[in-house]
Amino acid sequence: MRHRKPRGKPILVCPQCYSMRLIYDAGLITGQRYHCLRCDYVGSLVLEFDDPTQIPPEKEWK
């Protein structure tokens, strides 16, 4: 049996602009849904990172 290192809280990142400015939008029957405050992305797909050094830089947004 492998012992895993305890994980902290994952860092959630927007899949469109790579911003960490996500808020939890809805749940229950619809499932988890997040809203990005930077690019207005709304959806259930978000990127999760354990290590802050792995997060890609934010994309340019016009």
N, C-alpha and C. Protein backbone atom coordinates (compact mmCIF):
# COMPACT_ATOMS: atom_id res chain seq x y z
N MET A 1 0.84 -1.18 0.00
CA MET A 1 0.00 0.00 0.00
C MET A 1 0.89 1.25 0.00
N ARG A 2 0.59 2.16 -0.89
CA ARG A 2 1.35 3.41 -0.95
C ARG A 2 0.75 4.43 -0.01
N HIS A 3 1.60 5.16 0.65
CA HIS A 3 1.13 6.25 1.51
C HIS A 3 1.28 7.55 0.75
N ARG A 4 0.21 8.28 0.71
CA ARG A 4 0.24 9.56 0.00
C ARG A 4 0.41 10.70 0.98
N LYS A 5 1.05 11.73 0.50
CA LYS A 5 1.22 12.93 1.27
C LYS A 5 -0.13 13.63 1.39
N PRO A 6 -0.51 14.14 2.56
CA PRO A 6 -1.81 14.81 2.66
C PRO A 6 -1.87 16.03 1.74
N ARG A 7 -2.97 16.13 1.03
CA ARG A 7 -3.12 17.23 0.09
C ARG A 7 -3.80 18.39 0.77
N GLY A 8 -3.38 19.58 0.41
CA GLY A 8 -4.04 20.78 0.89
C GLY A 8 -5.22 21.10 -0.02
N LYS A 9 -5.77 22.25 0.17
CA LYS A 9 -6.88 22.68 -0.67
C LYS A 9 -6.36 22.98 -2.08
N PRO A 10 -6.98 22.40 -3.12
CA PRO A 10 -6.48 22.66 -4.49
C PRO A 10 -6.74 24.10 -4.92
N ILE A 11 -5.89 24.58 -5.80
CA ILE A 11 -6.04 25.93 -6.35
C ILE A 11 -6.86 25.80 -7.62
N LEU A 12 -8.01 26.49 -7.69
CA LEU A 12 -8.88 26.43 -8.85
C LEU A 12 -8.53 27.55 -9.82
N VAL A 13 -8.46 27.20 -11.11
CA VAL A 13 -8.04 28.14 -12.15
C VAL A 13 -9.02 28.07 -13.31
N CYS A 14 -9.34 29.22 -13.89
CA CYS A 14 -10.24 29.31 -15.04
C CYS A 14 -9.58 28.66 -16.26
N PRO A 15 -10.31 27.82 -17.01
CA PRO A 15 -9.72 27.16 -18.18
C PRO A 15 -9.55 28.09 -19.39
N GLN A 16 -10.19 29.25 -19.39
CA GLN A 16 -10.07 30.17 -20.53
C GLN A 16 -8.93 31.17 -20.37
N CYS A 17 -8.86 31.82 -19.21
CA CYS A 17 -7.86 32.88 -19.04
C CYS A 17 -6.81 32.56 -17.97
N TYR A 18 -6.92 31.42 -17.31
CA TYR A 18 -6.01 30.96 -16.26
C TYR A 18 -6.00 31.87 -15.03
N SER A 19 -7.08 32.57 -14.79
CA SER A 19 -7.19 33.42 -13.62
C SER A 19 -7.64 32.59 -12.42
N MET A 20 -7.23 33.00 -11.22
CA MET A 20 -7.67 32.34 -10.01
C MET A 20 -8.87 33.05 -9.39
N ARG A 21 -9.43 34.01 -10.10
CA ARG A 21 -10.56 34.79 -9.59
C ARG A 21 -11.88 34.08 -9.91
N LEU A 22 -12.06 32.90 -9.35
CA LEU A 22 -13.27 32.10 -9.56
C LEU A 22 -14.14 32.15 -8.32
N ILE A 23 -15.44 32.21 -8.52
CA ILE A 23 -16.37 32.11 -7.41
C ILE A 23 -17.32 30.95 -7.69
N TYR A 24 -17.77 30.31 -6.63
CA TYR A 24 -18.73 29.22 -6.74
C TYR A 24 -20.08 29.83 -7.09
N ASP A 25 -20.71 29.37 -8.16
CA ASP A 25 -21.93 30.00 -8.68
C ASP A 25 -23.19 29.23 -8.33
N ALA A 26 -23.20 27.92 -8.48
CA ALA A 26 -24.41 27.14 -8.24
C ALA A 26 -24.05 25.71 -7.90
N GLY A 27 -25.04 24.98 -7.42
CA GLY A 27 -24.80 23.59 -7.07
C GLY A 27 -26.09 22.81 -7.07
N LEU A 28 -26.16 21.82 -6.20
CA LEU A 28 -27.30 20.93 -6.03
C LEU A 28 -27.60 20.14 -7.29
N ILE A 29 -28.76 20.32 -7.90
CA ILE A 29 -29.18 19.52 -9.04
C ILE A 29 -28.30 19.80 -10.27
N THR A 30 -27.89 21.04 -10.46
CA THR A 30 -27.10 21.40 -11.63
C THR A 30 -25.64 20.99 -11.52
N GLY A 31 -25.20 20.57 -10.36
CA GLY A 31 -23.79 20.24 -10.16
C GLY A 31 -23.01 21.51 -9.86
N GLN A 32 -21.72 21.37 -9.67
CA GLN A 32 -20.90 22.54 -9.37
C GLN A 32 -20.76 23.42 -10.59
N ARG A 33 -20.88 24.72 -10.39
CA ARG A 33 -20.71 25.67 -11.47
C ARG A 33 -19.93 26.87 -10.94
N TYR A 34 -18.95 27.31 -11.70
CA TYR A 34 -18.09 28.40 -11.27
C TYR A 34 -18.20 29.57 -12.24
N HIS A 35 -17.91 30.77 -11.73
CA HIS A 35 -17.95 31.99 -12.53
C HIS A 35 -16.61 32.70 -12.38
N CYS A 36 -15.95 32.98 -13.51
CA CYS A 36 -14.68 33.71 -13.50
C CYS A 36 -14.98 35.20 -13.53
N LEU A 37 -14.42 35.93 -12.58
CA LEU A 37 -14.66 37.37 -12.49
C LEU A 37 -13.84 38.14 -13.52
N ARG A 38 -12.86 37.52 -14.12
CA ARG A 38 -12.00 38.21 -15.08
C ARG A 38 -12.55 38.14 -16.51
N CYS A 39 -12.95 36.93 -16.96
CA CYS A 39 -13.38 36.78 -18.36
C CYS A 39 -14.85 36.40 -18.49
N ASP A 40 -15.58 36.32 -17.39
CA ASP A 40 -17.00 35.98 -17.35
C ASP A 40 -17.30 34.55 -17.81
N TYR A 41 -16.32 33.66 -17.73
CA TYR A 41 -16.57 32.24 -18.02
C TYR A 41 -17.50 31.68 -16.94
N VAL A 42 -18.50 30.91 -17.35
CA VAL A 42 -19.38 30.21 -16.43
C VAL A 42 -19.43 28.75 -16.86
N GLY A 43 -19.08 27.85 -15.95
CA GLY A 43 -19.13 26.43 -16.29
C GLY A 43 -18.64 25.57 -15.15
N SER A 44 -18.75 24.28 -15.34
CA SER A 44 -18.35 23.35 -14.30
C SER A 44 -16.90 22.88 -14.46
N LEU A 45 -16.31 23.11 -15.63
CA LEU A 45 -14.94 22.69 -15.87
C LEU A 45 -13.98 23.75 -15.34
N VAL A 46 -13.15 23.38 -14.37
CA VAL A 46 -12.10 24.25 -13.87
C VAL A 46 -10.83 23.43 -13.75
N LEU A 47 -9.70 24.09 -13.77
CA LEU A 47 -8.41 23.42 -13.61
C LEU A 47 -8.03 23.45 -12.14
N GLU A 48 -7.51 22.33 -11.63
CA GLU A 48 -7.09 22.24 -10.24
C GLU A 48 -5.59 22.01 -10.18
N PHE A 49 -4.91 22.78 -9.35
CA PHE A 49 -3.46 22.64 -9.17
C PHE A 49 -3.15 22.50 -7.69
N ASP A 50 -2.20 21.63 -7.37
CA ASP A 50 -1.73 21.48 -6.00
C ASP A 50 -0.52 22.38 -5.74
N ASP A 51 0.27 22.58 -6.78
CA ASP A 51 1.51 23.35 -6.66
C ASP A 51 1.34 24.68 -7.38
N PRO A 52 1.46 25.81 -6.66
CA PRO A 52 1.28 27.13 -7.31
C PRO A 52 2.28 27.42 -8.42
N THR A 53 3.43 26.74 -8.43
CA THR A 53 4.42 26.99 -9.47
C THR A 53 4.02 26.39 -10.81
N GLN A 54 3.03 25.48 -10.83
CA GLN A 54 2.60 24.84 -12.06
C GLN A 54 1.52 25.63 -12.81
N ILE A 55 0.97 26.65 -12.18
CA ILE A 55 -0.11 27.41 -12.79
C ILE A 55 0.43 28.24 -13.94
N PRO A 56 -0.16 28.14 -15.14
CA PRO A 56 0.31 28.94 -16.27
C PRO A 56 0.01 30.43 -16.05
N PRO A 57 0.77 31.32 -16.68
CA PRO A 57 0.49 32.75 -16.51
C PRO A 57 -0.86 33.11 -17.13
N GLU A 58 -1.50 34.14 -16.56
CA GLU A 58 -2.81 34.57 -17.07
C GLU A 58 -2.66 35.06 -18.51
N LYS A 59 -3.67 34.76 -19.31
CA LYS A 59 -3.67 35.20 -20.70
C LYS A 59 -4.02 36.68 -20.77
N GLU A 60 -3.58 37.32 -21.82
CA GLU A 60 -3.95 38.72 -22.07
C GLU A 60 -5.43 38.77 -22.34
N TRP A 61 -6.11 39.71 -21.75
CA TRP A 61 -7.56 39.84 -21.93
C TRP A 61 -7.87 41.24 -22.36
N LYS A 62 -8.63 41.37 -23.44
CA LYS A 62 -8.95 42.70 -23.98
C LYS A 62 -10.34 43.09 -23.61
